[in-house]
């Protein structure tokens, strides 16, 4: 499996945090409040540089988060491996037993469409008191609020974004209000290492390999 890396240099006059987050434009839950989480964050001083590295290994995650609104922390209660190409690992069943949440018997989960991942929520799951989502490289990246008897289907086509400011890993982002100091990062075919600089005027340099 390919390993991706992204080096980010801060040539701006301000210290802050570099945040890498993801979106999934093809996932049906876009209209149902699929939330981006602060996936990776690292602090960086002026003239400093940080590096992020990951592989595209997916997982299922849940958190007893309450409603997913900006600023809420998705503190994963459980993370299990997921693989859209494996019929045994492309689905999960989100359940509640003994007054606690868990990923239950996967045989009770509905199969997703080809190439996708899916989480089936049991009828006993309360609305909006917890959340489920998708992890990448062992860290939760995208999440939705729970709804009883709901099938969350995730299309594993990822867009990567970079932001500069004040961020903490796992916190729900308000991506609609993030219009400055952000940059989409696209990896060309067969290119896995990229570099980008936050320039003195707080704009991003072109991305380079």
N, C-alpha and C. Protein backbone atom coordinates (compact mmCIF):
# COMPACT_ATOMS: atom_id res chain seq x y z
N UNK A 1 0.85 -1.20 0.00
CA UNK A 1 0.00 0.00 0.00
C UNK A 1 0.88 1.25 0.00
N UNK A 2 0.55 2.21 -0.86
CA UNK A 2 1.37 3.42 -1.00
C UNK A 2 1.32 4.26 0.27
N UNK A 3 2.45 4.85 0.61
CA UNK A 3 2.57 5.74 1.75
C UNK A 3 2.62 7.17 1.22
N UNK A 4 1.72 8.02 1.72
CA UNK A 4 1.68 9.42 1.31
C UNK A 4 2.40 10.28 2.34
N UNK A 5 3.00 11.38 1.87
CA UNK A 5 3.58 12.33 2.81
C UNK A 5 3.38 13.74 2.28
N UNK A 6 3.27 14.67 3.22
CA UNK A 6 3.06 16.08 2.89
C UNK A 6 3.91 16.92 3.84
N UNK A 7 4.85 17.70 3.28
CA UNK A 7 5.69 18.60 4.06
C UNK A 7 5.14 20.01 3.93
N UNK A 8 5.01 20.70 5.06
CA UNK A 8 4.42 22.04 5.08
C UNK A 8 5.37 22.99 5.82
N UNK A 9 5.75 24.07 5.15
CA UNK A 9 6.64 25.08 5.74
C UNK A 9 5.84 26.34 6.06
N UNK A 10 6.14 26.95 7.19
CA UNK A 10 5.45 28.17 7.61
C UNK A 10 6.38 29.38 7.45
N UNK A 11 6.23 30.08 6.33
CA UNK A 11 6.98 31.32 6.10
C UNK A 11 6.15 32.55 6.44
N UNK A 12 4.97 32.35 7.06
CA UNK A 12 4.13 33.48 7.45
C UNK A 12 4.71 34.12 8.71
N UNK A 13 4.25 35.31 9.09
CA UNK A 13 4.77 35.97 10.29
C UNK A 13 4.15 35.46 11.59
N UNK A 14 3.30 34.41 11.51
CA UNK A 14 2.56 33.96 12.70
C UNK A 14 2.79 32.48 12.99
N UNK A 15 2.95 32.12 14.27
CA UNK A 15 2.90 30.70 14.63
C UNK A 15 1.45 30.23 14.61
N UNK A 16 1.26 28.93 14.54
CA UNK A 16 -0.10 28.40 14.54
C UNK A 16 -0.09 26.89 14.40
N UNK A 17 -1.21 26.34 13.97
CA UNK A 17 -1.34 24.90 13.76
C UNK A 17 -1.64 24.62 12.30
N UNK A 18 -0.97 23.62 11.78
CA UNK A 18 -1.30 23.10 10.46
C UNK A 18 -2.29 21.96 10.64
N UNK A 19 -3.37 22.00 9.88
CA UNK A 19 -4.41 20.97 9.96
C UNK A 19 -4.60 20.34 8.59
N UNK A 20 -4.59 19.02 8.56
CA UNK A 20 -4.98 18.28 7.35
C UNK A 20 -6.35 17.68 7.61
N UNK A 21 -7.29 17.96 6.72
CA UNK A 21 -8.62 17.36 6.86
C UNK A 21 -9.07 16.83 5.50
N UNK A 22 -10.14 16.07 5.51
CA UNK A 22 -10.62 15.43 4.28
C UNK A 22 -12.09 15.73 4.03
N UNK A 23 -12.47 15.62 2.77
CA UNK A 23 -13.88 15.62 2.39
C UNK A 23 -14.11 14.43 1.47
N UNK A 24 -15.35 14.06 1.31
CA UNK A 24 -15.71 12.92 0.46
C UNK A 24 -16.85 13.33 -0.45
N UNK A 25 -16.54 13.96 -1.59
CA UNK A 25 -17.58 14.58 -2.41
C UNK A 25 -18.60 13.62 -3.01
N UNK A 26 -18.25 12.34 -3.13
CA UNK A 26 -19.18 11.39 -3.75
C UNK A 26 -20.05 10.65 -2.75
N UNK A 27 -19.80 10.83 -1.47
CA UNK A 27 -20.58 10.12 -0.46
C UNK A 27 -21.98 10.72 -0.33
N UNK A 28 -22.99 9.87 -0.29
CA UNK A 28 -24.37 10.31 -0.31
C UNK A 28 -24.72 11.14 0.91
N UNK A 29 -24.01 10.95 2.02
CA UNK A 29 -24.35 11.63 3.26
C UNK A 29 -23.92 13.10 3.27
N UNK A 30 -23.38 13.59 2.14
CA UNK A 30 -23.03 15.00 2.07
C UNK A 30 -24.25 15.84 2.47
N UNK A 31 -25.41 15.49 1.96
CA UNK A 31 -26.61 16.26 2.26
C UNK A 31 -27.15 15.96 3.66
N UNK A 32 -26.60 14.94 4.30
CA UNK A 32 -27.05 14.58 5.65
C UNK A 32 -25.97 14.88 6.68
N UNK A 33 -25.25 15.96 6.46
CA UNK A 33 -24.30 16.47 7.44
C UNK A 33 -23.13 15.55 7.72
N UNK A 34 -22.51 15.02 6.68
CA UNK A 34 -21.22 14.36 6.85
C UNK A 34 -20.23 15.42 7.29
N UNK A 35 -19.58 15.20 8.43
CA UNK A 35 -18.71 16.21 9.02
C UNK A 35 -17.24 15.85 8.84
N UNK A 36 -16.45 16.85 8.49
CA UNK A 36 -15.00 16.69 8.44
C UNK A 36 -14.44 16.96 9.83
N UNK A 37 -13.50 16.11 10.23
CA UNK A 37 -12.81 16.28 11.51
C UNK A 37 -11.39 16.76 11.24
N UNK A 38 -10.81 17.43 12.22
CA UNK A 38 -9.39 17.77 12.14
C UNK A 38 -8.62 16.46 12.23
N UNK A 39 -8.19 15.96 11.09
CA UNK A 39 -7.63 14.61 10.99
C UNK A 39 -6.20 14.57 11.54
N UNK A 40 -5.33 15.41 11.00
CA UNK A 40 -3.97 15.58 11.53
C UNK A 40 -3.78 17.04 11.91
N UNK A 41 -3.15 17.31 13.01
CA UNK A 41 -2.75 18.68 13.35
C UNK A 41 -1.35 18.66 13.95
N UNK A 42 -0.59 19.70 13.65
CA UNK A 42 0.73 19.87 14.25
C UNK A 42 0.99 21.37 14.42
N UNK A 43 1.52 21.78 15.59
CA UNK A 43 1.89 23.19 15.76
C UNK A 43 3.17 23.48 14.99
N UNK A 44 3.29 24.71 14.54
CA UNK A 44 4.50 25.10 13.81
C UNK A 44 4.78 26.58 14.06
N UNK A 45 6.05 26.90 14.31
CA UNK A 45 6.46 28.29 14.49
C UNK A 45 6.84 28.92 13.16
N UNK A 46 7.07 30.20 13.18
CA UNK A 46 7.53 30.91 11.99
C UNK A 46 8.85 30.28 11.52
N UNK A 47 8.95 30.09 10.22
CA UNK A 47 10.13 29.48 9.57
C UNK A 47 10.28 28.00 9.91
N UNK A 48 9.29 27.42 10.56
CA UNK A 48 9.33 26.00 10.88
C UNK A 48 8.68 25.16 9.79
N UNK A 49 8.88 23.86 9.89
CA UNK A 49 8.31 22.93 8.91
C UNK A 49 7.83 21.68 9.63
N UNK A 50 6.70 21.16 9.19
CA UNK A 50 6.17 19.91 9.73
C UNK A 50 5.89 18.95 8.59
N UNK A 51 5.84 17.67 8.92
CA UNK A 51 5.59 16.65 7.90
C UNK A 51 4.51 15.70 8.38
N UNK A 52 3.59 15.37 7.50
CA UNK A 52 2.53 14.41 7.76
C UNK A 52 2.72 13.20 6.85
N UNK A 53 2.47 12.01 7.37
CA UNK A 53 2.61 10.79 6.56
C UNK A 53 1.48 9.83 6.91
N UNK A 54 0.96 9.16 5.90
CA UNK A 54 -0.14 8.22 6.12
C UNK A 54 -0.25 7.24 4.96
N UNK A 55 -0.97 6.16 5.20
CA UNK A 55 -1.37 5.27 4.12
C UNK A 55 -2.89 5.27 4.04
N UNK A 56 -3.42 4.83 2.93
CA UNK A 56 -4.86 4.90 2.69
C UNK A 56 -5.51 3.62 3.21
N UNK A 57 -5.39 3.43 4.51
CA UNK A 57 -6.01 2.28 5.17
C UNK A 57 -7.21 2.78 5.95
N UNK A 58 -8.39 2.23 5.65
CA UNK A 58 -9.63 2.73 6.24
C UNK A 58 -9.99 1.97 7.51
N UNK A 59 -10.86 2.60 8.29
CA UNK A 59 -11.40 1.95 9.49
C UNK A 59 -12.79 2.52 9.76
N UNK A 60 -13.55 1.79 10.59
CA UNK A 60 -14.83 2.28 11.12
C UNK A 60 -14.59 2.79 12.53
N UNK A 61 -15.30 3.86 12.89
CA UNK A 61 -15.14 4.42 14.24
C UNK A 61 -16.49 4.91 14.75
N UNK A 62 -16.64 4.93 16.07
CA UNK A 62 -17.81 5.56 16.67
C UNK A 62 -17.37 6.36 17.90
N UNK A 63 -18.21 7.32 18.27
CA UNK A 63 -17.94 8.13 19.45
C UNK A 63 -19.25 8.51 20.11
N UNK A 64 -19.24 8.59 21.43
CA UNK A 64 -20.40 9.05 22.19
C UNK A 64 -20.28 10.58 22.29
N UNK A 65 -20.54 11.22 21.18
CA UNK A 65 -20.17 12.63 21.00
C UNK A 65 -21.30 13.62 21.25
N UNK A 66 -22.55 13.14 21.19
CA UNK A 66 -23.65 14.09 21.09
C UNK A 66 -23.69 14.64 19.67
N UNK A 67 -24.46 15.67 19.45
CA UNK A 67 -24.59 16.24 18.11
C UNK A 67 -23.24 16.72 17.58
N UNK A 68 -22.97 16.39 16.33
CA UNK A 68 -21.71 16.82 15.70
C UNK A 68 -21.85 18.25 15.20
N UNK A 69 -21.47 19.18 16.03
CA UNK A 69 -21.45 20.59 15.65
C UNK A 69 -20.01 21.07 15.74
N UNK A 70 -19.66 22.13 15.01
CA UNK A 70 -18.28 22.61 15.04
C UNK A 70 -17.78 22.83 16.47
N UNK A 71 -16.58 22.31 16.73
CA UNK A 71 -15.98 22.43 18.05
C UNK A 71 -16.12 21.20 18.91
N UNK A 72 -17.07 20.30 18.59
CA UNK A 72 -17.24 19.06 19.34
C UNK A 72 -16.09 18.11 19.01
N UNK A 73 -15.60 17.43 20.02
CA UNK A 73 -14.50 16.48 19.82
C UNK A 73 -15.04 15.08 19.60
N UNK A 74 -14.59 14.44 18.51
CA UNK A 74 -14.94 13.05 18.22
C UNK A 74 -13.90 12.18 18.92
N UNK A 75 -14.22 11.71 20.12
CA UNK A 75 -13.31 10.88 20.91
C UNK A 75 -13.70 9.42 20.68
N UNK A 76 -13.00 8.76 19.79
CA UNK A 76 -13.41 7.42 19.34
C UNK A 76 -13.47 6.43 20.49
N UNK A 77 -14.63 5.77 20.61
CA UNK A 77 -14.79 4.72 21.60
C UNK A 77 -14.31 3.37 21.09
N UNK A 78 -14.24 3.26 19.75
CA UNK A 78 -13.80 2.00 19.14
C UNK A 78 -13.43 2.29 17.69
N UNK A 79 -12.36 1.67 17.24
CA UNK A 79 -11.94 1.76 15.84
C UNK A 79 -11.62 0.35 15.38
N UNK A 80 -12.24 -0.07 14.27
CA UNK A 80 -11.97 -1.40 13.72
C UNK A 80 -11.59 -1.27 12.25
N UNK A 81 -10.83 -2.22 11.76
CA UNK A 81 -10.36 -2.19 10.37
C UNK A 81 -11.53 -2.25 9.40
N UNK A 82 -11.37 -1.55 8.28
CA UNK A 82 -12.37 -1.57 7.20
C UNK A 82 -11.64 -1.66 5.87
N UNK A 83 -12.25 -2.35 4.93
CA UNK A 83 -11.63 -2.53 3.62
C UNK A 83 -12.74 -2.65 2.58
N UNK A 84 -12.86 -1.67 1.67
CA UNK A 84 -13.94 -1.72 0.68
C UNK A 84 -13.82 -2.88 -0.31
N UNK A 85 -12.65 -3.51 -0.38
CA UNK A 85 -12.47 -4.62 -1.31
C UNK A 85 -12.64 -5.99 -0.65
N UNK A 86 -12.98 -6.00 0.65
CA UNK A 86 -13.12 -7.24 1.41
C UNK A 86 -14.55 -7.36 1.91
N UNK A 87 -15.26 -8.39 1.46
CA UNK A 87 -16.67 -8.56 1.85
C UNK A 87 -16.84 -8.81 3.34
N UNK A 88 -15.78 -9.18 4.04
CA UNK A 88 -15.85 -9.39 5.49
C UNK A 88 -15.59 -8.11 6.26
N UNK A 89 -14.96 -7.12 5.62
CA UNK A 89 -14.56 -5.91 6.32
C UNK A 89 -15.14 -4.63 5.72
N UNK A 90 -16.06 -4.78 4.78
CA UNK A 90 -16.63 -3.58 4.15
C UNK A 90 -17.91 -3.10 4.81
N UNK A 91 -18.26 -3.71 5.94
CA UNK A 91 -19.50 -3.33 6.63
C UNK A 91 -19.32 -3.50 8.13
N UNK A 92 -20.14 -2.74 8.88
CA UNK A 92 -20.12 -2.83 10.35
C UNK A 92 -21.55 -2.64 10.85
N UNK A 93 -21.80 -3.17 12.05
CA UNK A 93 -23.11 -3.06 12.68
C UNK A 93 -22.95 -2.29 13.99
N UNK A 94 -23.55 -1.07 14.05
CA UNK A 94 -23.43 -0.24 15.24
C UNK A 94 -24.59 -0.55 16.17
N UNK A 95 -24.26 -0.95 17.40
CA UNK A 95 -25.25 -1.48 18.32
C UNK A 95 -25.09 -0.82 19.70
N UNK A 96 -26.06 -1.11 20.57
CA UNK A 96 -25.99 -0.66 21.97
C UNK A 96 -26.43 -1.81 22.85
N UNK A 97 -25.53 -2.25 23.73
CA UNK A 97 -25.81 -3.35 24.64
C UNK A 97 -25.30 -2.98 26.03
N UNK A 98 -26.05 -3.38 27.06
CA UNK A 98 -25.65 -3.09 28.44
C UNK A 98 -25.39 -1.60 28.66
N UNK A 99 -26.23 -0.78 27.99
CA UNK A 99 -26.15 0.68 28.11
C UNK A 99 -24.85 1.26 27.57
N UNK A 100 -24.21 0.53 26.66
CA UNK A 100 -22.97 1.03 26.07
C UNK A 100 -22.96 0.71 24.57
N UNK A 101 -22.30 1.59 23.80
CA UNK A 101 -22.22 1.39 22.35
C UNK A 101 -21.10 0.41 22.01
N UNK A 102 -21.25 -0.22 20.84
CA UNK A 102 -20.20 -1.11 20.33
C UNK A 102 -20.48 -1.44 18.88
N UNK A 103 -19.45 -1.90 18.18
CA UNK A 103 -19.65 -2.53 16.89
C UNK A 103 -19.97 -3.99 17.15
N UNK A 104 -21.21 -4.38 16.82
CA UNK A 104 -21.68 -5.72 17.13
C UNK A 104 -21.43 -6.71 16.02
N UNK A 105 -22.29 -7.71 15.95
CA UNK A 105 -22.15 -8.81 15.00
C UNK A 105 -22.21 -8.29 13.56
N UNK A 106 -21.13 -8.38 12.79
CA UNK A 106 -21.14 -7.85 11.42
C UNK A 106 -22.11 -8.59 10.50
N UNK A 107 -22.55 -9.79 10.89
CA UNK A 107 -23.51 -10.52 10.07
C UNK A 107 -24.86 -9.81 10.04
N UNK A 108 -25.11 -8.91 11.00
CA UNK A 108 -26.36 -8.16 11.03
C UNK A 108 -26.29 -6.88 10.18
N UNK A 109 -25.11 -6.60 9.65
CA UNK A 109 -24.92 -5.39 8.84
C UNK A 109 -25.31 -5.63 7.39
N UNK A 110 -25.85 -4.60 6.78
CA UNK A 110 -26.20 -4.68 5.36
C UNK A 110 -24.96 -4.48 4.51
N UNK A 111 -24.89 -5.22 3.41
CA UNK A 111 -23.75 -5.10 2.51
C UNK A 111 -23.83 -3.78 1.74
N UNK A 112 -22.71 -3.11 1.54
CA UNK A 112 -22.73 -1.85 0.79
C UNK A 112 -22.73 -2.10 -0.71
N UNK A 113 -22.87 -1.04 -1.47
CA UNK A 113 -22.69 -1.14 -2.91
C UNK A 113 -21.22 -1.46 -3.18
N UNK A 114 -20.92 -1.96 -4.37
CA UNK A 114 -19.56 -2.38 -4.70
C UNK A 114 -18.58 -1.23 -4.52
N UNK A 115 -17.47 -1.52 -3.84
CA UNK A 115 -16.42 -0.54 -3.67
C UNK A 115 -16.64 0.46 -2.56
N UNK A 116 -17.70 0.30 -1.77
CA UNK A 116 -18.02 1.25 -0.71
C UNK A 116 -17.87 0.60 0.66
N UNK A 117 -18.03 1.41 1.69
CA UNK A 117 -18.07 0.97 3.07
C UNK A 117 -19.42 1.36 3.65
N UNK A 118 -19.93 0.57 4.59
CA UNK A 118 -21.26 0.86 5.15
C UNK A 118 -21.32 0.52 6.62
N UNK A 119 -22.07 1.34 7.37
CA UNK A 119 -22.36 1.07 8.78
C UNK A 119 -23.87 1.03 8.95
N UNK A 120 -24.38 -0.13 9.40
CA UNK A 120 -25.80 -0.28 9.70
C UNK A 120 -26.02 0.07 11.16
N UNK A 121 -27.00 0.94 11.44
CA UNK A 121 -27.30 1.33 12.82
C UNK A 121 -28.53 0.56 13.30
N UNK A 122 -28.41 -0.06 14.45
CA UNK A 122 -29.50 -0.83 15.02
C UNK A 122 -30.68 0.08 15.38
N UNK A 123 -31.84 -0.50 15.50
CA UNK A 123 -33.05 0.27 15.83
C UNK A 123 -32.99 0.85 17.24
N UNK A 124 -32.11 0.29 18.11
CA UNK A 124 -32.02 0.78 19.49
C UNK A 124 -31.09 1.98 19.62
N UNK A 125 -30.45 2.36 18.55
CA UNK A 125 -29.52 3.49 18.59
C UNK A 125 -30.32 4.80 18.65
N UNK A 126 -30.10 5.64 19.65
CA UNK A 126 -30.84 6.91 19.72
C UNK A 126 -30.37 7.90 18.68
N UNK A 127 -31.26 8.79 18.34
CA UNK A 127 -30.94 9.80 17.33
C UNK A 127 -30.04 10.89 17.92
N UNK A 128 -28.88 11.10 17.28
CA UNK A 128 -28.06 12.25 17.58
C UNK A 128 -27.28 12.25 18.87
N UNK A 129 -27.29 11.14 19.62
CA UNK A 129 -26.53 11.11 20.87
C UNK A 129 -25.13 10.55 20.68
N UNK A 130 -24.90 9.92 19.54
CA UNK A 130 -23.59 9.37 19.23
C UNK A 130 -23.29 9.67 17.76
N UNK A 131 -22.16 9.22 17.29
CA UNK A 131 -21.79 9.43 15.90
C UNK A 131 -20.93 8.26 15.43
N UNK A 132 -20.99 8.01 14.15
CA UNK A 132 -20.15 6.98 13.54
C UNK A 132 -19.41 7.61 12.37
N UNK A 133 -18.31 6.98 12.01
CA UNK A 133 -17.55 7.58 10.92
C UNK A 133 -16.49 6.68 10.36
N UNK A 134 -15.66 7.30 9.54
CA UNK A 134 -14.60 6.62 8.82
C UNK A 134 -13.26 7.16 9.30
N UNK A 135 -12.37 6.23 9.60
CA UNK A 135 -11.00 6.59 9.93
C UNK A 135 -10.07 6.31 8.76
N UNK A 136 -8.99 7.05 8.70
CA UNK A 136 -7.94 6.83 7.71
C UNK A 136 -6.63 6.81 8.47
N UNK A 137 -5.85 5.77 8.24
CA UNK A 137 -4.56 5.64 8.91
C UNK A 137 -4.73 5.62 10.44
N UNK A 138 -5.84 5.05 10.91
CA UNK A 138 -6.05 4.88 12.35
C UNK A 138 -6.62 6.08 13.07
N UNK A 139 -6.92 7.17 12.36
CA UNK A 139 -7.48 8.37 12.98
C UNK A 139 -8.82 8.70 12.32
N UNK A 140 -9.82 9.03 13.13
CA UNK A 140 -11.13 9.38 12.59
C UNK A 140 -11.02 10.63 11.72
N UNK A 141 -11.66 10.58 10.56
CA UNK A 141 -11.54 11.68 9.60
C UNK A 141 -12.89 12.29 9.21
N UNK A 142 -13.93 11.46 9.13
CA UNK A 142 -15.26 11.91 8.70
C UNK A 142 -16.30 11.22 9.56
N UNK A 143 -17.38 11.93 9.91
CA UNK A 143 -18.37 11.34 10.81
C UNK A 143 -19.76 11.89 10.53
N UNK A 144 -20.77 11.11 10.95
CA UNK A 144 -22.17 11.53 10.84
C UNK A 144 -22.86 11.25 12.17
N UNK A 145 -23.94 11.98 12.43
CA UNK A 145 -24.76 11.73 13.60
C UNK A 145 -25.51 10.40 13.45
N UNK A 146 -25.78 9.74 14.56
CA UNK A 146 -26.50 8.48 14.51
C UNK A 146 -28.00 8.69 14.35
N UNK A 147 -28.62 7.73 13.68
CA UNK A 147 -30.06 7.68 13.50
C UNK A 147 -30.48 6.21 13.54
N UNK A 148 -31.51 5.83 14.28
CA UNK A 148 -31.90 4.42 14.34
C UNK A 148 -32.30 3.88 12.97
N UNK A 149 -31.91 2.63 12.72
CA UNK A 149 -32.26 1.92 11.47
C UNK A 149 -31.70 2.61 10.23
N UNK A 150 -30.59 3.31 10.36
CA UNK A 150 -30.03 4.05 9.23
C UNK A 150 -28.81 3.31 8.68
N UNK A 151 -28.63 3.36 7.37
CA UNK A 151 -27.47 2.78 6.71
C UNK A 151 -26.58 3.91 6.20
N UNK A 152 -25.42 4.06 6.80
CA UNK A 152 -24.46 5.06 6.38
C UNK A 152 -23.53 4.43 5.36
N UNK A 153 -23.53 4.96 4.14
CA UNK A 153 -22.70 4.44 3.06
C UNK A 153 -21.63 5.46 2.69
N UNK A 154 -20.39 5.01 2.69
CA UNK A 154 -19.25 5.88 2.43
C UNK A 154 -18.57 5.46 1.13
N UNK A 155 -18.43 6.42 0.21
CA UNK A 155 -17.71 6.18 -1.04
C UNK A 155 -16.26 6.59 -0.83
N UNK A 156 -15.31 5.67 -0.87
CA UNK A 156 -13.92 5.99 -0.50
C UNK A 156 -13.15 6.75 -1.57
N UNK A 157 -13.66 7.91 -1.91
CA UNK A 157 -12.94 8.84 -2.78
C UNK A 157 -12.68 10.10 -1.95
N UNK A 158 -11.40 10.35 -1.66
CA UNK A 158 -11.02 11.34 -0.68
C UNK A 158 -10.43 12.58 -1.34
N UNK A 159 -10.82 13.75 -0.84
CA UNK A 159 -10.12 14.98 -1.14
C UNK A 159 -9.40 15.45 0.11
N UNK A 160 -8.15 15.85 -0.05
CA UNK A 160 -7.35 16.34 1.06
C UNK A 160 -7.31 17.86 1.07
N UNK A 161 -7.35 18.44 2.27
CA UNK A 161 -7.30 19.89 2.42
C UNK A 161 -6.31 20.25 3.53
N UNK A 162 -5.74 21.42 3.38
CA UNK A 162 -4.78 21.94 4.33
C UNK A 162 -5.30 23.26 4.87
N UNK A 163 -5.15 23.48 6.18
CA UNK A 163 -5.61 24.73 6.78
C UNK A 163 -4.58 25.18 7.82
N UNK A 164 -4.55 26.48 8.06
CA UNK A 164 -3.65 27.06 9.06
C UNK A 164 -4.47 27.90 10.03
N UNK A 165 -4.21 27.73 11.33
CA UNK A 165 -4.95 28.50 12.33
C UNK A 165 -4.75 27.89 13.70
N UNK A 166 -5.87 27.65 14.39
CA UNK A 166 -5.84 27.04 15.72
C UNK A 166 -6.73 25.80 15.67
N UNK A 167 -6.14 24.62 15.77
CA UNK A 167 -6.88 23.37 15.59
C UNK A 167 -6.43 22.33 16.61
N UNK A 168 -7.37 21.42 16.93
CA UNK A 168 -7.07 20.26 17.76
C UNK A 168 -7.56 19.02 17.04
N UNK A 169 -6.77 17.96 17.05
CA UNK A 169 -7.14 16.73 16.36
C UNK A 169 -8.46 16.19 16.87
N UNK A 170 -9.28 15.71 15.92
CA UNK A 170 -10.54 15.06 16.26
C UNK A 170 -11.71 16.00 16.44
N UNK A 171 -11.50 17.30 16.32
CA UNK A 171 -12.58 18.28 16.52
C UNK A 171 -13.34 18.48 15.21
N UNK A 172 -14.66 18.59 15.31
CA UNK A 172 -15.51 18.84 14.14
C UNK A 172 -15.20 20.23 13.59
N UNK A 173 -14.96 20.30 12.27
CA UNK A 173 -14.63 21.56 11.62
C UNK A 173 -15.87 22.18 10.98
N UNK A 174 -15.89 23.48 10.92
CA UNK A 174 -16.92 24.20 10.18
C UNK A 174 -16.33 24.57 8.83
N UNK A 175 -16.31 23.60 7.91
CA UNK A 175 -15.60 23.81 6.65
C UNK A 175 -16.26 24.89 5.79
N UNK A 176 -17.55 25.14 5.99
CA UNK A 176 -18.23 26.17 5.19
C UNK A 176 -17.75 27.57 5.53
N UNK A 177 -17.21 27.75 6.73
CA UNK A 177 -16.72 29.07 7.12
C UNK A 177 -15.21 29.21 6.93
N UNK A 178 -14.55 28.13 6.55
CA UNK A 178 -13.10 28.16 6.37
C UNK A 178 -12.79 28.55 4.93
N UNK A 179 -12.70 29.85 4.70
CA UNK A 179 -12.52 30.35 3.33
C UNK A 179 -11.14 30.96 3.13
N UNK A 180 -10.39 31.19 4.21
CA UNK A 180 -9.03 31.71 4.08
C UNK A 180 -8.06 30.72 4.69
N UNK A 181 -6.82 30.80 4.27
CA UNK A 181 -5.75 29.92 4.77
C UNK A 181 -6.05 28.44 4.58
N UNK A 182 -6.80 28.09 3.51
CA UNK A 182 -7.03 26.68 3.20
C UNK A 182 -6.53 26.40 1.79
N UNK A 183 -6.22 25.12 1.55
CA UNK A 183 -5.70 24.75 0.24
C UNK A 183 -6.02 23.28 -0.01
N UNK A 184 -6.60 22.98 -1.17
CA UNK A 184 -6.79 21.59 -1.55
C UNK A 184 -5.45 21.01 -1.99
N UNK A 185 -5.19 19.78 -1.56
CA UNK A 185 -3.95 19.09 -1.90
C UNK A 185 -4.31 17.90 -2.79
N UNK A 186 -3.82 17.91 -4.02
CA UNK A 186 -4.09 16.82 -4.95
C UNK A 186 -2.79 16.09 -5.26
N UNK A 187 -2.81 14.79 -5.08
CA UNK A 187 -1.66 13.96 -5.41
C UNK A 187 -1.80 13.47 -6.85
N UNK A 188 -0.90 13.89 -7.75
CA UNK A 188 -0.96 13.37 -9.12
C UNK A 188 -0.73 11.85 -9.14
N UNK A 189 -1.09 11.23 -10.23
CA UNK A 189 -0.94 9.79 -10.38
C UNK A 189 0.52 9.38 -10.14
N UNK A 190 0.70 8.40 -9.26
CA UNK A 190 2.01 7.84 -8.93
C UNK A 190 2.95 8.83 -8.23
N UNK A 191 2.40 9.89 -7.67
CA UNK A 191 3.18 10.83 -6.85
C UNK A 191 2.64 10.75 -5.43
N UNK A 192 3.53 10.52 -4.48
CA UNK A 192 3.09 10.29 -3.09
C UNK A 192 3.72 11.24 -2.08
N UNK A 193 4.65 12.08 -2.53
CA UNK A 193 5.32 13.03 -1.63
C UNK A 193 5.17 14.43 -2.20
N UNK A 194 4.57 15.33 -1.39
CA UNK A 194 4.35 16.70 -1.85
C UNK A 194 4.85 17.69 -0.80
N UNK A 195 5.09 18.93 -1.28
CA UNK A 195 5.54 20.01 -0.41
C UNK A 195 4.72 21.26 -0.72
N UNK A 196 4.47 22.06 0.32
CA UNK A 196 3.76 23.32 0.12
C UNK A 196 4.20 24.28 1.22
N UNK A 197 4.14 25.58 0.94
CA UNK A 197 4.59 26.60 1.89
C UNK A 197 3.48 27.63 2.12
N UNK A 198 3.26 27.96 3.39
CA UNK A 198 2.41 29.09 3.73
C UNK A 198 3.30 30.33 3.66
N UNK A 199 3.03 31.20 2.69
CA UNK A 199 3.94 32.28 2.37
C UNK A 199 3.76 33.48 3.31
N UNK A 200 4.64 34.45 3.15
CA UNK A 200 4.67 35.61 4.04
C UNK A 200 3.35 36.37 4.04
N UNK A 201 2.63 36.35 2.91
CA UNK A 201 1.35 37.07 2.83
C UNK A 201 0.18 36.17 3.20
N UNK A 202 0.46 35.01 3.83
CA UNK A 202 -0.57 34.06 4.29
C UNK A 202 -1.33 33.40 3.15
N UNK A 203 -0.73 33.33 1.98
CA UNK A 203 -1.27 32.54 0.88
C UNK A 203 -0.37 31.31 0.71
N UNK A 204 -0.94 30.28 0.10
CA UNK A 204 -0.19 29.05 -0.10
C UNK A 204 0.58 29.07 -1.41
N UNK A 205 1.78 28.55 -1.38
CA UNK A 205 2.56 28.41 -2.61
C UNK A 205 1.97 27.29 -3.46
N UNK A 206 2.35 27.21 -4.73
CA UNK A 206 1.94 26.04 -5.50
C UNK A 206 2.49 24.76 -4.86
N UNK A 207 1.71 23.70 -4.96
CA UNK A 207 2.13 22.42 -4.42
C UNK A 207 3.17 21.81 -5.36
N UNK A 208 4.24 21.28 -4.79
CA UNK A 208 5.31 20.70 -5.61
C UNK A 208 5.68 19.32 -5.09
N UNK A 209 6.21 18.52 -5.99
CA UNK A 209 6.63 17.17 -5.61
C UNK A 209 8.06 17.21 -5.09
